């Protein structure tokens, strides 16, 4: 009987919890870090162990782990995990079977709707994109210099249960903001979990993978499709120039690109359950209906 694998998940949020559900069902142990006791209680309710970090010392956690997942976001001062754990990670580099770093396709910047793949130059257009690129390079430096088996996953716009457009369409707050030529790539959270499990099964340290579905689409089309699924009229179109948006929302519209997922399919054999937003939204709506009407 082999040793039980243990995933230590720094910043145990939405995507990490989707991966954890699958691993826990396979008999793994999962340790998730968070900054709040309320979130810790929610993590424990899933069957994972929760740790308030910081301030808990990372060394004993790292000693237990066979696999690491990092989804805690960087800021102007850099990556928080490396800030607190750099020496501990370097000293233990050879003990880990796999390390995953969750980044963003925002590192590519704006391409005017053109295609990018993992070989494309990274020219982030936002401060957050620049922070992510710096964090990616820092983590990959630990692969090159210390042998830490780091894999980088550049995630497109994430959606899934609790993160779909239906609530806003129903309550009338959804908006169809139109910027000609604007397209986004997306990925269902369950497909992220599938991809991460495939990488764990077939490690390729130093690899970078785009994680997205097959069809980048204009955001107004997605909202219109969600309305159609609900049998409701599509919200009226609002020209981008006239739309009132937060700086965060406006930053998403600063970038338009189509992201290739060919590498994740070829190297990891991943088949997407939700190859476009159409399948994903249909499944979300079916899940809502099942939750509402099931036992």
C-alpha atoms as a PDB file:
ATOM      1  CA  UNK A   1       0.000   0.000   0.000  1.00  0.00           C
ATOM      2  CA  UNK A   2       1.538   3.305  -1.091  1.00  0.00           C
ATOM      3  CA  UNK A   3       1.721   6.433   0.980  1.00  0.00           C
ATOM      4  CA  UNK A   4      -1.453   8.544   0.936  1.00  0.00           C
ATOM      5  CA  UNK A   5      -0.829  11.579  -1.286  1.00  0.00           C
ATOM      6  CA  UNK A   6      -1.324  14.951   0.390  1.00  0.00           C
ATOM      7  CA  UNK A   7      -2.179  18.148  -1.471  1.00  0.00           C
ATOM      8  CA  UNK A   8      -1.237  21.401   0.257  1.00  0.00           C
ATOM      9  CA  UNK A   9      -3.302  24.149  -1.371  1.00  0.00           C
ATOM     10  CA  UNK A  10      -2.179  27.722  -0.719  1.00  0.00           C
ATOM     11  CA  UNK A  11      -5.172  30.045  -1.118  1.00  0.00           C
ATOM     12  CA  UNK A  12      -7.805  27.310  -1.217  1.00  0.00           C
ATOM     13  CA  UNK A  13     -10.434  29.042  -3.333  1.00  0.00           C
ATOM     14  CA  UNK A  14     -12.929  28.220  -6.062  1.00  0.00           C
ATOM     15  CA  UNK A  15     -10.698  26.342  -8.528  1.00  0.00           C
ATOM     16  CA  UNK A  16      -8.648  24.621  -5.836  1.00  0.00           C
ATOM     17  CA  UNK A  17     -11.791  23.343  -4.155  1.00  0.00           C
ATOM     18  CA  UNK A  18     -12.986  21.841  -7.436  1.00  0.00           C
ATOM     19  CA  UNK A  19      -9.715  19.890  -7.687  1.00  0.00           C
ATOM     20  CA  UNK A  20      -9.931  18.903  -4.025  1.00  0.00           C
ATOM     21  CA  UNK A  21     -13.377  17.352  -4.469  1.00  0.00           C
ATOM     22  CA  UNK A  22     -11.985  14.877  -6.972  1.00  0.00           C
ATOM     23  CA  UNK A  23      -8.849  14.116  -4.983  1.00  0.00           C
ATOM     24  CA  UNK A  24     -10.693  13.595  -1.703  1.00  0.00           C
ATOM     25  CA  UNK A  25     -12.983  11.119  -3.468  1.00  0.00           C
ATOM     26  CA  UNK A  26      -9.840   9.200  -4.490  1.00  0.00           C
ATOM     27  CA  UNK A  27      -8.590   8.987  -0.911  1.00  0.00           C
ATOM     28  CA  UNK A  28      -6.181  11.911  -0.894  1.00  0.00           C
ATOM     29  CA  UNK A  29      -5.641  14.197   2.064  1.00  0.00           C
ATOM     30  CA  UNK A  30      -6.092  17.893   1.263  1.00  0.00           C
ATOM     31  CA  UNK A  31      -4.847  20.801   3.375  1.00  0.00           C
ATOM     32  CA  UNK A  32      -6.241  24.174   2.353  1.00  0.00           C
ATOM     33  CA  UNK A  33      -4.971  27.508   3.613  1.00  0.00           C
ATOM     34  CA  UNK A  34      -7.130  30.577   4.082  1.00  0.00           C
ATOM     35  CA  UNK A  35      -6.958  33.884   5.940  1.00  0.00           C
ATOM     36  CA  UNK A  36     -10.376  33.774   7.640  1.00  0.00           C
ATOM     37  CA  UNK A  37     -11.961  31.442  10.173  1.00  0.00           C
ATOM     38  CA  UNK A  38     -15.269  31.625   8.303  1.00  0.00           C
ATOM     39  CA  UNK A  39     -13.646  30.292   5.124  1.00  0.00           C
ATOM     40  CA  UNK A  40     -11.765  27.715   7.173  1.00  0.00           C
ATOM     41  CA  UNK A  41     -15.047  26.330   8.461  1.00  0.00           C
ATOM     42  CA  UNK A  42     -16.345  26.081   4.898  1.00  0.00           C
ATOM     43  CA  UNK A  43     -13.198  24.213   3.837  1.00  0.00           C
ATOM     44  CA  UNK A  44     -13.551  21.750   6.716  1.00  0.00           C
ATOM     45  CA  UNK A  45     -17.142  21.100   5.683  1.00  0.00           C
ATOM     46  CA  UNK A  46     -15.847  19.704   2.359  1.00  0.00           C
ATOM     47  CA  UNK A  47     -13.701  17.102   4.102  1.00  0.00           C
ATOM     48  CA  UNK A  48     -10.412  18.960   3.712  1.00  0.00           C
ATOM     49  CA  UNK A  49      -8.206  20.172   6.545  1.00  0.00           C
ATOM     50  CA  UNK A  50      -8.144  23.952   6.924  1.00  0.00           C
ATOM     51  CA  UNK A  51      -5.232  26.045   8.153  1.00  0.00           C
ATOM     52  CA  UNK A  52      -5.145  29.775   8.862  1.00  0.00           C
ATOM     53  CA  UNK A  53      -2.047  30.920   6.991  1.00  0.00           C
ATOM     54  CA  UNK A  54      -0.374  33.136   7.798  1.00  0.00           C
ATOM     55  CA  UNK A  55       0.441  33.055  10.753  1.00  0.00           C
ATOM     56  CA  UNK A  56       0.871  29.255  10.951  1.00  0.00           C
ATOM     57  CA  UNK A  57       4.481  28.273  10.181  1.00  0.00           C
ATOM     58  CA  UNK A  58       4.665  26.658   6.722  1.00  0.00           C
ATOM     59  CA  UNK A  59       7.475  24.199   7.425  1.00  0.00           C
ATOM     60  CA  UNK A  60       5.417  21.473   9.133  1.00  0.00           C
ATOM     61  CA  UNK A  61       2.735  21.762   6.417  1.00  0.00           C
ATOM     62  CA  UNK A  62       5.323  21.391   3.672  1.00  0.00           C
ATOM     63  CA  UNK A  63       6.782  18.355   5.447  1.00  0.00           C
ATOM     64  CA  UNK A  64       3.409  16.599   5.166  1.00  0.00           C
ATOM     65  CA  UNK A  65       2.705  17.464   1.543  1.00  0.00           C
ATOM     66  CA  UNK A  66       3.493  15.429  -1.547  1.00  0.00           C
ATOM     67  CA  UNK A  67       1.852  17.916  -3.935  1.00  0.00           C
ATOM     68  CA  UNK A  68       1.438  21.697  -3.842  1.00  0.00           C
ATOM     69  CA  UNK A  69      -1.143  23.935  -5.490  1.00  0.00           C
ATOM     70  CA  UNK A  70      -0.681  27.705  -5.386  1.00  0.00           C
ATOM     71  CA  UNK A  71      -3.585  29.973  -6.264  1.00  0.00           C
ATOM     72  CA  UNK A  72      -2.949  32.811  -3.808  1.00  0.00           C
ATOM     73  CA  UNK A  73      -2.700  35.967  -5.878  1.00  0.00           C
ATOM     74  CA  UNK A  74       0.414  38.155  -6.011  1.00  0.00           C
ATOM     75  CA  UNK A  75       0.522  41.883  -5.400  1.00  0.00           C
ATOM     76  CA  UNK A  76       3.052  44.669  -5.869  1.00  0.00           C
ATOM     77  CA  UNK A  77       5.355  43.041  -3.308  1.00  0.00           C
ATOM     78  CA  UNK A  78       5.383  39.718  -5.170  1.00  0.00           C
ATOM     79  CA  UNK A  79       4.057  36.207  -4.608  1.00  0.00           C
ATOM     80  CA  UNK A  80       2.906  35.702  -1.001  1.00  0.00           C
ATOM     81  CA  UNK A  81       3.846  32.018  -0.835  1.00  0.00           C
ATOM     82  CA  UNK A  82       7.383  32.622  -2.045  1.00  0.00           C
ATOM     83  CA  UNK A  83       7.636  35.626   0.266  1.00  0.00           C
ATOM     84  CA  UNK A  84       6.911  33.438   3.298  1.00  0.00           C
ATOM     85  CA  UNK A  85       8.195  30.037   2.153  1.00  0.00           C
ATOM     86  CA  UNK A  86      11.079  30.506  -0.297  1.00  0.00           C
ATOM     87  CA  UNK A  87      13.750  28.959   1.922  1.00  0.00           C
ATOM     88  CA  UNK A  88      11.471  26.166   3.106  1.00  0.00           C
ATOM     89  CA  UNK A  89      10.539  25.264  -0.469  1.00  0.00           C
ATOM     90  CA  UNK A  90      14.128  25.261  -1.690  1.00  0.00           C
ATOM     91  CA  UNK A  91      15.187  23.007   1.177  1.00  0.00           C
ATOM     92  CA  UNK A  92      12.415  20.516   0.373  1.00  0.00           C
ATOM     93  CA  UNK A  93      12.350  20.762  -3.440  1.00  0.00           C
ATOM     94  CA  UNK A  94      13.036  17.084  -4.062  1.00  0.00           C
ATOM     95  CA  UNK A  95      10.259  15.787  -1.806  1.00  0.00           C
ATOM     96  CA  UNK A  96       7.389  17.050  -3.969  1.00  0.00           C
ATOM     97  CA  UNK A  97       5.901  15.036  -6.819  1.00  0.00           C
ATOM     98  CA  UNK A  98       4.124  18.012  -8.383  1.00  0.00           C
ATOM     99  CA  UNK A  99       3.684  21.747  -7.882  1.00  0.00           C
ATOM    100  CA  UNK A 100       0.984  23.698  -9.711  1.00  0.00           C
ATOM    101  CA  UNK A 101       0.823  27.486 -10.006  1.00  0.00           C
ATOM    102  CA  UNK A 102      -2.492  28.993 -11.131  1.00  0.00           C
ATOM    103  CA  UNK A 103      -1.881  32.062 -13.273  1.00  0.00           C
ATOM    104  CA  UNK A 104      -4.003  33.876 -15.862  1.00  0.00           C
ATOM    105  CA  UNK A 105      -4.194  34.365 -19.612  1.00  0.00           C
ATOM    106  CA  UNK A 106      -3.993  38.065 -18.721  1.00  0.00           C
ATOM    107  CA  UNK A 107      -0.199  37.706 -18.955  1.00  0.00           C
ATOM    108  CA  UNK A 108      -0.542  37.841 -22.761  1.00  0.00           C
ATOM    109  CA  UNK A 109      -2.119  41.301 -22.746  1.00  0.00           C
ATOM    110  CA  UNK A 110      -4.211  42.622 -25.625  1.00  0.00           C
ATOM    111  CA  UNK A 111      -3.869  40.940 -29.036  1.00  0.00           C
ATOM    112  CA  UNK A 112      -6.749  42.597 -30.857  1.00  0.00           C
ATOM    113  CA  UNK A 113      -8.609  39.292 -31.101  1.00  0.00           C
ATOM    114  CA  UNK A 114      -5.625  37.355 -32.497  1.00  0.00           C
ATOM    115  CA  UNK A 115      -4.556  33.908 -31.299  1.00  0.00           C
ATOM    116  CA  UNK A 116      -1.968  33.248 -28.595  1.00  0.00           C
ATOM    117  CA  UNK A 117      -0.358  30.034 -27.402  1.00  0.00           C
ATOM    118  CA  UNK A 118       2.205  29.218 -24.730  1.00  0.00           C
ATOM    119  CA  UNK A 119       5.065  30.322 -26.999  1.00  0.00           C
ATOM    120  CA  UNK A 120       3.594  33.792 -27.525  1.00  0.00           C
ATOM    121  CA  UNK A 121       5.373  36.768 -26.016  1.00  0.00           C
ATOM    122  CA  UNK A 122       3.817  37.975 -22.776  1.00  0.00           C
ATOM    123  CA  UNK A 123       2.970  41.680 -22.811  1.00  0.00           C
ATOM    124  CA  UNK A 124       0.484  42.168 -19.941  1.00  0.00           C
ATOM    125  CA  UNK A 125      -1.607  45.312 -20.241  1.00  0.00           C
ATOM    126  CA  UNK A 126      -2.716  45.529 -16.606  1.00  0.00           C
ATOM    127  CA  UNK A 127      -0.934  45.812 -13.287  1.00  0.00           C
ATOM    128  CA  UNK A 128      -2.439  42.514 -12.146  1.00  0.00           C
ATOM    129  CA  UNK A 129      -1.195  40.850 -15.334  1.00  0.00           C
ATOM    130  CA  UNK A 130       2.324  42.132 -14.691  1.00  0.00           C
ATOM    131  CA  UNK A 131       2.218  40.841 -11.122  1.00  0.00           C
ATOM    132  CA  UNK A 132       1.131  37.414 -12.356  1.00  0.00           C
ATOM    133  CA  UNK A 133       3.876  37.240 -14.974  1.00  0.00           C
ATOM    134  CA  UNK A 134       6.498  38.154 -12.382  1.00  0.00           C
ATOM    135  CA  UNK A 135       5.119  35.444 -10.073  1.00  0.00           C
ATOM    136  CA  UNK A 136       5.168  32.855 -12.869  1.00  0.00           C
ATOM    137  CA  UNK A 137       8.803  33.611 -13.577  1.00  0.00           C
ATOM    138  CA  UNK A 138       9.682  33.455  -9.901  1.00  0.00           C
ATOM    139  CA  UNK A 139       8.074  30.026  -9.513  1.00  0.00           C
ATOM    140  CA  UNK A 140       9.678  28.687 -12.692  1.00  0.00           C
ATOM    141  CA  UNK A 141      13.004  29.930 -11.336  1.00  0.00           C
ATOM    142  CA  UNK A 142      12.597  27.410  -8.514  1.00  0.00           C
ATOM    143  CA  UNK A 143      12.266  24.659 -11.118  1.00  0.00           C
ATOM    144  CA  UNK A 144      15.394  25.766 -12.966  1.00  0.00           C
ATOM    145  CA  UNK A 145      17.499  26.499  -9.878  1.00  0.00           C
ATOM    146  CA  UNK A 146      16.232  24.109  -7.200  1.00  0.00           C
ATOM    147  CA  UNK A 147      14.456  21.310  -9.062  1.00  0.00           C
ATOM    148  CA  UNK A 148      11.031  22.139  -7.621  1.00  0.00           C
ATOM    149  CA  UNK A 149       8.616  20.437 -10.093  1.00  0.00           C
ATOM    150  CA  UNK A 150       6.633  23.547 -11.021  1.00  0.00           C
ATOM    151  CA  UNK A 151       3.841  23.624 -13.627  1.00  0.00           C
ATOM    152  CA  UNK A 152       2.167  26.902 -14.647  1.00  0.00           C
ATOM    153  CA  UNK A 153      -1.509  27.004 -15.631  1.00  0.00           C
ATOM    154  CA  UNK A 154      -2.777  30.148 -17.362  1.00  0.00           C
ATOM    155  CA  UNK A 155      -6.511  30.197 -16.671  1.00  0.00           C
ATOM    156  CA  UNK A 156      -9.062  31.977 -18.824  1.00  0.00           C
ATOM    157  CA  UNK A 157     -12.234  33.517 -17.359  1.00  0.00           C
ATOM    158  CA  UNK A 158     -13.569  31.032 -14.806  1.00  0.00           C
ATOM    159  CA  UNK A 159     -17.238  30.163 -14.457  1.00  0.00           C
ATOM    160  CA  UNK A 160     -19.214  27.343 -12.872  1.00  0.00           C
ATOM    161  CA  UNK A 161     -21.756  26.696 -10.107  1.00  0.00           C
ATOM    162  CA  UNK A 162     -22.407  29.950  -8.294  1.00  0.00           C
ATOM    163  CA  UNK A 163     -20.467  31.874 -10.943  1.00  0.00           C
ATOM    164  CA  UNK A 164     -22.805  31.952 -13.904  1.00  0.00           C
ATOM    165  CA  UNK A 165     -24.799  34.785 -15.482  1.00  0.00           C
ATOM    166  CA  UNK A 166     -28.286  33.460 -14.688  1.00  0.00           C
ATOM    167  CA  UNK A 167     -28.896  35.331 -11.431  1.00  0.00           C
ATOM    168  CA  UNK A 168     -28.114  38.686 -13.035  1.00  0.00           C
ATOM    169  CA  UNK A 169     -30.212  37.882 -16.099  1.00  0.00           C
ATOM    170  CA  UNK A 170     -33.151  36.940 -13.874  1.00  0.00           C
ATOM    171  CA  UNK A 171     -32.981  40.022 -11.679  1.00  0.00           C
ATOM    172  CA  UNK A 172     -32.439  42.382 -14.577  1.00  0.00           C
ATOM    173  CA  UNK A 173     -28.907  43.513 -13.660  1.00  0.00           C
ATOM    174  CA  UNK A 174     -27.120  41.701 -16.502  1.00  0.00           C
ATOM    175  CA  UNK A 175     -25.705  44.029 -19.151  1.00  0.00           C
ATOM    176  CA  UNK A 176     -24.767  43.377 -22.768  1.00  0.00           C
ATOM    177  CA  UNK A 177     -21.813  45.700 -23.193  1.00  0.00           C
ATOM    178  CA  UNK A 178     -20.722  45.724 -26.826  1.00  0.00           C
ATOM    179  CA  UNK A 179     -17.171  46.541 -27.890  1.00  0.00           C
ATOM    180  CA  UNK A 180     -16.714  45.586 -31.570  1.00  0.00           C
ATOM    181  CA  UNK A 181     -14.164  42.794 -32.012  1.00  0.00           C
ATOM    182  CA  UNK A 182     -14.029  42.007 -28.286  1.00  0.00           C
ATOM    183  CA  UNK A 183     -13.693  38.307 -27.413  1.00  0.00           C
ATOM    184  CA  UNK A 184     -12.843  36.468 -24.181  1.00  0.00           C
ATOM    185  CA  UNK A 185     -11.808  32.884 -23.539  1.00  0.00           C
ATOM    186  CA  UNK A 186     -13.494  31.010 -20.696  1.00  0.00           C
ATOM    187  CA  UNK A 187     -13.161  27.762 -18.774  1.00  0.00           C
ATOM    188  CA  UNK A 188     -15.593  25.807 -16.605  1.00  0.00           C
ATOM    189  CA  UNK A 189     -14.224  25.117 -13.137  1.00  0.00           C
ATOM    190  CA  UNK A 190     -14.808  21.359 -13.520  1.00  0.00           C
ATOM    191  CA  UNK A 191     -12.602  21.351 -16.624  1.00  0.00           C
ATOM    192  CA  UNK A 192      -9.883  23.124 -14.619  1.00  0.00           C
ATOM    193  CA  UNK A 193     -10.047  20.295 -12.087  1.00  0.00           C
ATOM    194  CA  UNK A 194      -9.842  17.692 -14.867  1.00  0.00           C
ATOM    195  CA  UNK A 195      -6.791  19.385 -16.359  1.00  0.00           C
ATOM    196  CA  UNK A 196      -5.001  19.633 -13.002  1.00  0.00           C
ATOM    197  CA  UNK A 197      -5.648  15.957 -12.246  1.00  0.00           C
ATOM    198  CA  UNK A 198      -4.294  15.040 -15.687  1.00  0.00           C
ATOM    199  CA  UNK A 199      -1.128  17.029 -15.000  1.00  0.00           C
ATOM    200  CA  UNK A 200      -0.686  15.398 -11.598  1.00  0.00           C
ATOM    201  CA  UNK A 201      -0.927  12.005 -13.306  1.00  0.00           C
ATOM    202  CA  UNK A 202       1.525  13.022 -16.068  1.00  0.00           C
ATOM    203  CA  UNK A 203       3.932  15.579 -14.577  1.00  0.00           C
ATOM    204  CA  UNK A 204       6.066  17.682 -16.923  1.00  0.00           C
ATOM    205  CA  UNK A 205       7.990  20.105 -14.683  1.00  0.00           C
ATOM    206  CA  UNK A 206       8.627  23.471 -16.261  1.00  0.00           C
ATOM    207  CA  UNK A 207       5.573  23.215 -18.513  1.00  0.00           C
ATOM    208  CA  UNK A 208       3.163  26.076 -19.088  1.00  0.00           C
ATOM    209  CA  UNK A 209      -0.428  25.288 -20.117  1.00  0.00           C
ATOM    210  CA  UNK A 210      -3.223  27.525 -21.301  1.00  0.00           C
ATOM    211  CA  UNK A 211      -6.457  26.406 -19.651  1.00  0.00           C
ATOM    212  CA  UNK A 212      -9.458  27.507 -21.695  1.00  0.00           C
ATOM    213  CA  UNK A 213     -12.307  26.133 -23.765  1.00  0.00           C
ATOM    214  CA  UNK A 214     -12.466  25.886 -27.553  1.00  0.00           C
ATOM    215  CA  UNK A 215     -14.288  29.095 -28.396  1.00  0.00           C
ATOM    216  CA  UNK A 216     -13.467  32.646 -27.409  1.00  0.00           C
ATOM    217  CA  UNK A 217     -16.698  34.614 -27.636  1.00  0.00           C
ATOM    218  CA  UNK A 218     -17.997  38.160 -27.265  1.00  0.00           C
ATOM    219  CA  UNK A 219     -19.396  38.696 -23.758  1.00  0.00           C
ATOM    220  CA  UNK A 220     -22.707  40.032 -25.075  1.00  0.00           C
ATOM    221  CA  UNK A 221     -23.308  36.724 -26.908  1.00  0.00           C
ATOM    222  CA  UNK A 222     -22.916  34.777 -23.675  1.00  0.00           C
ATOM    223  CA  UNK A 223     -25.437  36.977 -21.878  1.00  0.00           C
ATOM    224  CA  UNK A 224     -27.887  36.696 -24.780  1.00  0.00           C
ATOM    225  CA  UNK A 225     -27.549  32.895 -24.768  1.00  0.00           C
ATOM    226  CA  UNK A 226     -28.125  32.746 -21.015  1.00  0.00           C
ATOM    227  CA  UNK A 227     -31.297  34.818 -21.434  1.00  0.00           C
ATOM    228  CA  UNK A 228     -32.507  32.543 -24.223  1.00  0.00           C
ATOM    229  CA  UNK A 229     -31.969  29.468 -22.020  1.00  0.00           C
ATOM    230  CA  UNK A 230     -34.122  31.123 -19.371  1.00  0.00           C
ATOM    231  CA  UNK A 231     -36.783  32.087 -21.909  1.00  0.00           C
ATOM    232  CA  UNK A 232     -36.205  35.763 -21.171  1.00  0.00           C
ATOM    233  CA  UNK A 233     -35.474  38.639 -23.538  1.00  0.00           C
ATOM    234  CA  UNK A 234     -31.824  39.551 -23.949  1.00  0.00           C
ATOM    235  CA  UNK A 235     -30.818  42.705 -22.075  1.00  0.00           C
ATOM    236  CA  UNK A 236     -30.440  45.717 -24.348  1.00  0.00           C
ATOM    237  CA  UNK A 237     -27.043  46.371 -25.882  1.00  0.00           C
ATOM    238  CA  UNK A 238     -24.917  49.123 -24.338  1.00  0.00           C
ATOM    239  CA  UNK A 239     -22.030  50.555 -26.362  1.00  0.00           C
ATOM    240  CA  UNK A 240     -18.730  50.156 -24.504  1.00  0.00           C
ATOM    241  CA  UNK A 241     -18.074  53.896 -24.672  1.00  0.00           C
ATOM    242  CA  UNK A 242     -21.332  54.615 -22.826  1.00  0.00           C
ATOM    243  CA  UNK A 243     -21.125  51.872 -20.188  1.00  0.00           C
ATOM    244  CA  UNK A 244     -20.451  52.719 -16.566  1.00  0.00           C
ATOM    245  CA  UNK A 245     -17.991  50.175 -15.197  1.00  0.00           C
ATOM    246  CA  UNK A 246     -15.661  49.719 -12.263  1.00  0.00           C
ATOM    247  CA  UNK A 247     -11.930  49.954 -13.044  1.00  0.00           C
ATOM    248  CA  UNK A 248     -11.738  46.172 -12.546  1.00  0.00           C
ATOM    249  CA  UNK A 249     -14.507  45.506 -15.088  1.00  0.00           C
ATOM    250  CA  UNK A 250     -13.049  47.985 -17.558  1.00  0.00           C
ATOM    251  CA  UNK A 251      -9.657  46.264 -17.331  1.00  0.00           C
ATOM    252  CA  UNK A 252     -11.208  43.074 -18.759  1.00  0.00           C
ATOM    253  CA  UNK A 253     -12.325  44.991 -21.814  1.00  0.00           C
ATOM    254  CA  UNK A 254      -8.794  46.332 -22.319  1.00  0.00           C
ATOM    255  CA  UNK A 255      -7.760  42.924 -23.667  1.00  0.00           C
ATOM    256  CA  UNK A 256      -9.106  40.851 -26.558  1.00  0.00           C
ATOM    257  CA  UNK A 257      -7.540  37.580 -27.656  1.00  0.00           C
ATOM    258  CA  UNK A 258      -8.196  33.990 -28.649  1.00  0.00           C
ATOM    259  CA  UNK A 259      -6.276  31.488 -26.547  1.00  0.00           C
ATOM    260  CA  UNK A 260      -5.145  28.127 -27.894  1.00  0.00           C
ATOM    261  CA  UNK A 261      -5.655  25.059 -25.696  1.00  0.00           C
ATOM    262  CA  UNK A 262      -3.878  22.675 -28.097  1.00  0.00           C
ATOM    263  CA  UNK A 263      -0.989  21.942 -25.754  1.00  0.00           C
ATOM    264  CA  UNK A 264      -3.107  20.825 -22.804  1.00  0.00           C
ATOM    265  CA  UNK A 265      -5.020  18.479 -25.091  1.00  0.00           C
ATOM    266  CA  UNK A 266      -1.960  17.054 -26.828  1.00  0.00           C
ATOM    267  CA  UNK A 267       0.305  16.595 -23.799  1.00  0.00           C
ATOM    268  CA  UNK A 268      -2.258  15.678 -21.148  1.00  0.00           C
ATOM    269  CA  UNK A 269      -4.984  14.035 -23.228  1.00  0.00           C
ATOM    270  CA  UNK A 270      -7.661  16.282 -21.747  1.00  0.00           C
ATOM    271  CA  UNK A 271     -11.165  16.168 -23.187  1.00  0.00           C
ATOM    272  CA  UNK A 272     -13.262  19.100 -22.117  1.00  0.00           C
ATOM    273  CA  UNK A 273     -16.667  18.380 -20.642  1.00  0.00           C
ATOM    274  CA  UNK A 274     -17.684  21.921 -21.653  1.00  0.00           C
ATOM    275  CA  UNK A 275     -15.909  22.815 -24.934  1.00  0.00           C
ATOM    276  CA  UNK A 276     -17.875  26.060 -25.276  1.00  0.00           C
ATOM    277  CA  UNK A 277     -19.969  28.307 -23.059  1.00  0.00           C
ATOM    278  CA  UNK A 278     -23.124  26.754 -24.566  1.00  0.00           C
ATOM    279  CA  UNK A 279     -22.534  23.341 -22.988  1.00  0.00           C
ATOM    280  CA  UNK A 280     -21.335  24.981 -19.792  1.00  0.00           C
ATOM    281  CA  UNK A 281     -24.354  27.234 -19.367  1.00  0.00           C
ATOM    282  CA  UNK A 282     -26.761  24.404 -20.179  1.00  0.00           C
ATOM    283  CA  UNK A 283     -25.142  22.280 -17.462  1.00  0.00           C
ATOM    284  CA  UNK A 284     -25.264  25.124 -14.935  1.00  0.00           C
ATOM    285  CA  UNK A 285     -28.945  25.692 -15.570  1.00  0.00           C
ATOM    286  CA  UNK A 286     -29.679  21.973 -15.336  1.00  0.00           C
ATOM    287  CA  UNK A 287     -27.767  21.880 -12.048  1.00  0.00           C
ATOM    288  CA  UNK A 288     -29.790  24.795 -10.671  1.00  0.00           C
ATOM    289  CA  UNK A 289     -33.040  23.135 -11.713  1.00  0.00           C
ATOM    290  CA  UNK A 290     -31.932  19.823 -10.217  1.00  0.00           C
ATOM    291  CA  UNK A 291     -30.940  21.486  -6.956  1.00  0.00           C
ATOM    292  CA  UNK A 292     -34.222  23.312  -6.748  1.00  0.00           C
ATOM    293  CA  UNK A 293     -36.401  20.362  -7.613  1.00  0.00           C
ATOM    294  CA  UNK A 294     -34.353  17.397  -6.351  1.00  0.00           C
ATOM    295  CA  UNK A 295     -34.393  15.661  -3.010  1.00  0.00           C
END
